[in-house]
Amino acid sequence: GKSAAYTEKDIKKLLPVVRILNKALLYFAATRSADERNRVKDAFSHYVSPDIVQDILHNPDVIHLGGEKKFLTCVFTDLQGFTSLSDTMDPIVLVRVLNMYLNEMSQVIIALGGTIDKYEGDAIMAFFGAPHELKDHAVRCCLAALRMKRMEDVLNEQLIHEKLIEKPLFTRIGINSGDMVVGNVGSMQRLDYTIIGSNVNIA
């Protein structure tokens, strides 16, 4: 049949449309990257302080792809006797109590510039001094421990008053400073920004 090729006249007529489409696509790309930045910001803000998030977004090299040895302070917390308690508690109540507890404790760590490494049931693993360098990382970590114990009192009062628990929760805390390897560890599907080393194990 007839050739479907556009003539020069047709192309000239279409140019304004092409320009509009290009602008629309550029705008779409820009909003998409802004959305992605906001999603990254939102995701990271659950683990680190907003100041650190800003630093990472403006300077992504702060988080190196490989590992590096750094002098840091790490903290491990867990609830005494919580495993046996969880066997007797109503699952809905258990999750509510745990979420309230982890939320309050995490806020204390994040407010002092700490990074949440991971949660394992009722346990929190966190560290101070990376990705954002903090000269006083050990002091901040000890301060976080003291504030967590203070927060525990407030939380216990509330949880007992609401009849969600019968006995007060008791947080055990381990802290250590030393050389640790920090970096992104994992698979193509999931990476963890984590710390490794004998000084981590001591905590």
Protein backbone atom coordinates (compact mmCIF):
# COMPACT_ATOMS: atom_id res chain seq x y z
CA GLY A 1 0.00 0.00 0.00
CA LYS A 2 0.77 3.65 0.40
CA SER A 3 3.93 4.64 2.34
CA ALA A 4 3.20 5.71 5.95
CA ALA A 5 6.27 7.98 6.09
CA TYR A 6 5.69 11.58 7.29
CA THR A 7 6.39 14.42 4.86
CA GLU A 8 8.46 17.45 5.91
CA LYS A 9 5.21 19.47 6.12
CA ASP A 10 3.69 16.91 8.52
CA ILE A 11 6.79 16.93 10.75
CA LYS A 12 6.71 20.77 10.97
CA LYS A 13 3.06 20.55 12.10
CA LEU A 14 3.97 17.93 14.74
CA LEU A 15 6.95 19.82 16.24
CA PRO A 16 4.88 21.76 18.85
CA VAL A 17 3.30 18.46 19.96
CA VAL A 18 6.74 16.83 20.26
CA ARG A 19 7.97 19.79 22.33
CA ILE A 20 4.96 19.52 24.67
CA LEU A 21 5.47 15.76 25.03
CA ASN A 22 9.17 16.26 25.77
CA LYS A 23 8.34 18.82 28.46
CA ALA A 24 5.73 16.49 29.95
CA LEU A 25 8.19 13.59 30.00
CA LEU A 26 10.91 15.73 31.60
CA TYR A 27 8.42 16.95 34.22
CA PHE A 28 7.31 13.34 34.86
CA ALA A 29 10.96 12.24 35.24
CA ALA A 30 11.67 15.11 37.64
CA THR A 31 8.63 14.41 39.84
CA ARG A 32 9.46 10.72 39.80
CA SER A 33 12.99 11.34 41.03
CA ALA A 34 11.62 13.76 43.65
CA ASP A 35 9.17 11.04 44.76
CA GLU A 36 12.01 8.54 44.92
CA ARG A 37 14.09 10.96 46.99
CA ASN A 38 11.14 11.42 49.35
CA ARG A 39 10.65 7.65 49.59
CA VAL A 40 14.35 7.18 50.36
CA LYS A 41 14.14 10.02 52.90
CA ASP A 42 11.09 8.46 54.54
CA ALA A 43 12.58 4.96 54.63
CA PHE A 44 15.91 6.11 56.05
CA SER A 45 14.32 8.38 58.66
CA HIS A 46 12.98 5.27 60.42
CA TYR A 47 16.57 4.16 61.10
CA VAL A 48 18.67 7.31 61.37
CA SER A 49 18.21 10.95 62.40
CA PRO A 50 16.81 13.41 59.79
CA ASP A 51 20.17 15.28 59.77
CA ILE A 52 21.97 12.13 58.65
CA VAL A 53 19.32 11.52 55.95
CA GLN A 54 19.97 15.02 54.57
CA ASP A 55 23.73 14.33 54.55
CA ILE A 56 23.28 11.03 52.69
CA LEU A 57 20.96 12.59 50.08
CA HIS A 58 23.36 15.48 49.44
CA ASN A 59 26.46 13.32 49.61
CA PRO A 60 25.69 9.66 48.75
CA ASP A 61 29.43 8.80 48.92
CA VAL A 62 29.09 8.95 52.73
CA ILE A 63 27.85 5.36 52.51
CA HIS A 64 30.65 3.47 50.77
CA LEU A 65 29.82 0.41 48.69
CA GLY A 66 32.65 -1.51 50.26
CA GLY A 67 33.39 -1.94 53.95
CA GLU A 68 35.65 0.26 56.03
CA LYS A 69 37.22 -0.04 59.46
CA LYS A 70 36.04 2.65 61.87
CA PHE A 71 36.22 3.33 65.59
CA LEU A 72 32.54 3.20 66.65
CA THR A 73 30.31 2.50 69.62
CA CYS A 74 27.58 -0.12 69.38
CA VAL A 75 24.69 -0.98 71.66
CA PHE A 76 22.55 -4.10 72.06
CA THR A 77 19.34 -4.11 74.07
CA ASP A 78 16.86 -6.84 74.90
CA LEU A 79 14.01 -7.48 77.31
CA GLN A 80 14.64 -9.83 80.22
CA GLY A 81 12.35 -12.88 80.16
CA PHE A 82 10.41 -11.60 77.15
CA THR A 83 10.57 -14.90 75.21
CA SER A 84 8.68 -16.81 77.92
CA LEU A 85 6.31 -13.86 78.40
CA SER A 86 5.50 -13.82 74.67
CA ASP A 87 4.32 -17.46 74.89
CA THR A 88 1.59 -16.53 77.38
CA MET A 89 0.54 -13.14 75.94
CA ASP A 90 -2.27 -12.58 73.45
CA PRO A 91 -0.54 -12.09 70.03
CA ILE A 92 -2.35 -8.78 69.33
CA VAL A 93 -1.36 -7.41 72.75
CA LEU A 94 2.19 -8.75 72.33
CA VAL A 95 2.71 -6.96 69.00
CA ARG A 96 1.17 -3.74 70.37
CA VAL A 97 3.44 -3.77 73.44
CA LEU A 98 6.50 -4.60 71.35
CA ASN A 99 5.78 -1.87 68.80
CA MET A 100 5.25 0.74 71.52
CA TYR A 101 8.46 -0.34 73.25
CA LEU A 102 10.63 -0.49 70.08
CA ASN A 103 9.25 2.83 68.84
CA GLU A 104 10.09 4.71 72.04
CA MET A 105 13.54 3.15 72.43
CA SER A 106 14.42 3.75 68.77
CA GLN A 107 13.41 7.42 69.01
CA VAL A 108 15.88 7.84 71.88
CA ILE A 109 18.72 6.33 69.78
CA ILE A 110 17.84 8.31 66.63
CA ALA A 111 17.46 11.61 68.55
CA LEU A 112 21.08 11.27 69.70
CA GLY A 113 22.35 10.60 66.15
CA GLY A 114 22.52 6.81 66.36
CA THR A 115 21.80 4.38 63.53
CA ILE A 116 19.44 1.45 64.04
CA ASP A 117 21.14 -1.62 62.61
CA LYS A 118 18.36 -4.16 63.09
CA TYR A 119 15.57 -5.49 65.29
CA GLU A 120 15.45 -9.13 66.32
CA GLY A 121 12.19 -9.73 68.13
CA ASP A 122 12.48 -7.59 71.27
CA ALA A 123 16.20 -6.84 70.71
CA ILE A 124 17.66 -3.67 69.19
CA MET A 125 21.10 -3.44 67.62
CA ALA A 126 22.35 0.10 66.95
CA PHE A 127 25.59 2.03 66.56
CA PHE A 128 26.96 5.56 66.80
CA GLY A 129 29.60 7.16 64.56
CA ALA A 130 28.56 6.00 61.08
CA PRO A 131 27.55 6.89 58.40
CA HIS A 132 27.78 10.30 60.09
CA GLU A 133 31.07 10.81 61.96
CA LEU A 134 30.54 11.69 65.60
CA LYS A 135 33.55 12.53 67.78
CA ASP A 136 31.50 11.90 70.94
CA HIS A 137 29.88 8.63 69.76
CA ALA A 138 30.66 6.79 73.04
CA VAL A 139 29.14 9.56 75.18
CA ARG A 140 26.03 9.72 72.98
CA CYS A 141 25.60 5.95 73.22
CA CYS A 142 25.87 5.94 77.04
CA LEU A 143 23.44 8.87 77.17
CA ALA A 144 21.03 6.89 74.96
CA ALA A 145 21.24 3.94 77.41
CA LEU A 146 20.41 6.21 80.38
CA ARG A 147 17.51 7.82 78.50
CA MET A 148 16.19 4.40 77.43
CA LYS A 149 16.06 3.31 81.08
CA ARG A 150 14.20 6.53 81.92
CA MET A 151 11.82 5.92 79.00
CA GLU A 152 11.29 2.36 80.26
CA ASP A 153 9.85 3.72 83.55
CA VAL A 154 7.39 5.96 81.67
CA LEU A 155 6.43 3.12 79.34
CA ASN A 156 5.94 0.61 82.17
CA GLU A 157 3.63 3.03 83.97
CA GLN A 158 1.54 3.45 80.83
CA LEU A 159 1.46 -0.27 79.90
CA ILE A 160 0.51 -1.38 83.42
CA HIS A 161 -2.12 1.37 83.66
CA GLU A 162 -3.63 0.20 80.33
CA LYS A 163 -3.50 -3.41 81.66
CA LEU A 164 -1.40 -4.52 78.68
CA ILE A 165 1.28 -6.04 80.94
CA GLU A 166 1.21 -7.30 84.54
CA LYS A 167 4.90 -7.00 85.44
CA PRO A 168 7.23 -4.16 84.39
CA LEU A 169 9.50 -4.64 81.38
CA PHE A 170 13.24 -4.72 82.13
CA THR A 171 15.74 -3.72 79.44
CA ARG A 172 19.25 -5.20 79.46
CA ILE A 173 21.84 -3.09 77.67
CA GLY A 174 25.33 -3.95 76.37
CA ILE A 175 27.70 -1.27 75.02
CA ASN A 176 31.20 -1.42 73.54
CA SER A 177 33.53 0.92 71.63
CA GLY A 178 36.29 -0.20 69.30
CA ASP A 179 37.37 -0.79 65.71
CA MET A 180 34.55 -2.33 63.68
CA VAL A 181 33.98 -2.99 59.99
CA VAL A 182 30.98 -1.02 58.72
CA GLY A 183 29.45 -1.43 55.27
CA ASN A 184 26.67 -2.72 53.07
CA VAL A 185 26.36 -6.48 53.45
CA GLY A 186 23.82 -8.80 51.85
CA SER A 187 22.49 -9.91 48.51
CA MET A 188 21.28 -8.22 45.33
CA GLN A 189 17.74 -8.37 46.74
CA ARG A 190 18.52 -6.95 50.18
CA LEU A 191 21.42 -4.96 51.59
CA ASP A 192 22.02 -4.14 55.25
CA TYR A 193 24.20 -1.26 56.36
CA THR A 194 25.72 -3.11 59.29
CA ILE A 195 28.71 -3.53 61.60
CA ILE A 196 30.92 -6.63 61.97
CA GLY A 197 33.80 -7.60 64.25
CA SER A 198 34.89 -8.92 67.64
CA ASN A 199 34.17 -5.53 69.25
CA VAL A 200 30.55 -5.86 68.09
CA ASN A 201 30.37 -9.36 69.65
CA ILE A 202 31.69 -8.05 72.98
CA ALA A 203 28.72 -5.67 73.24
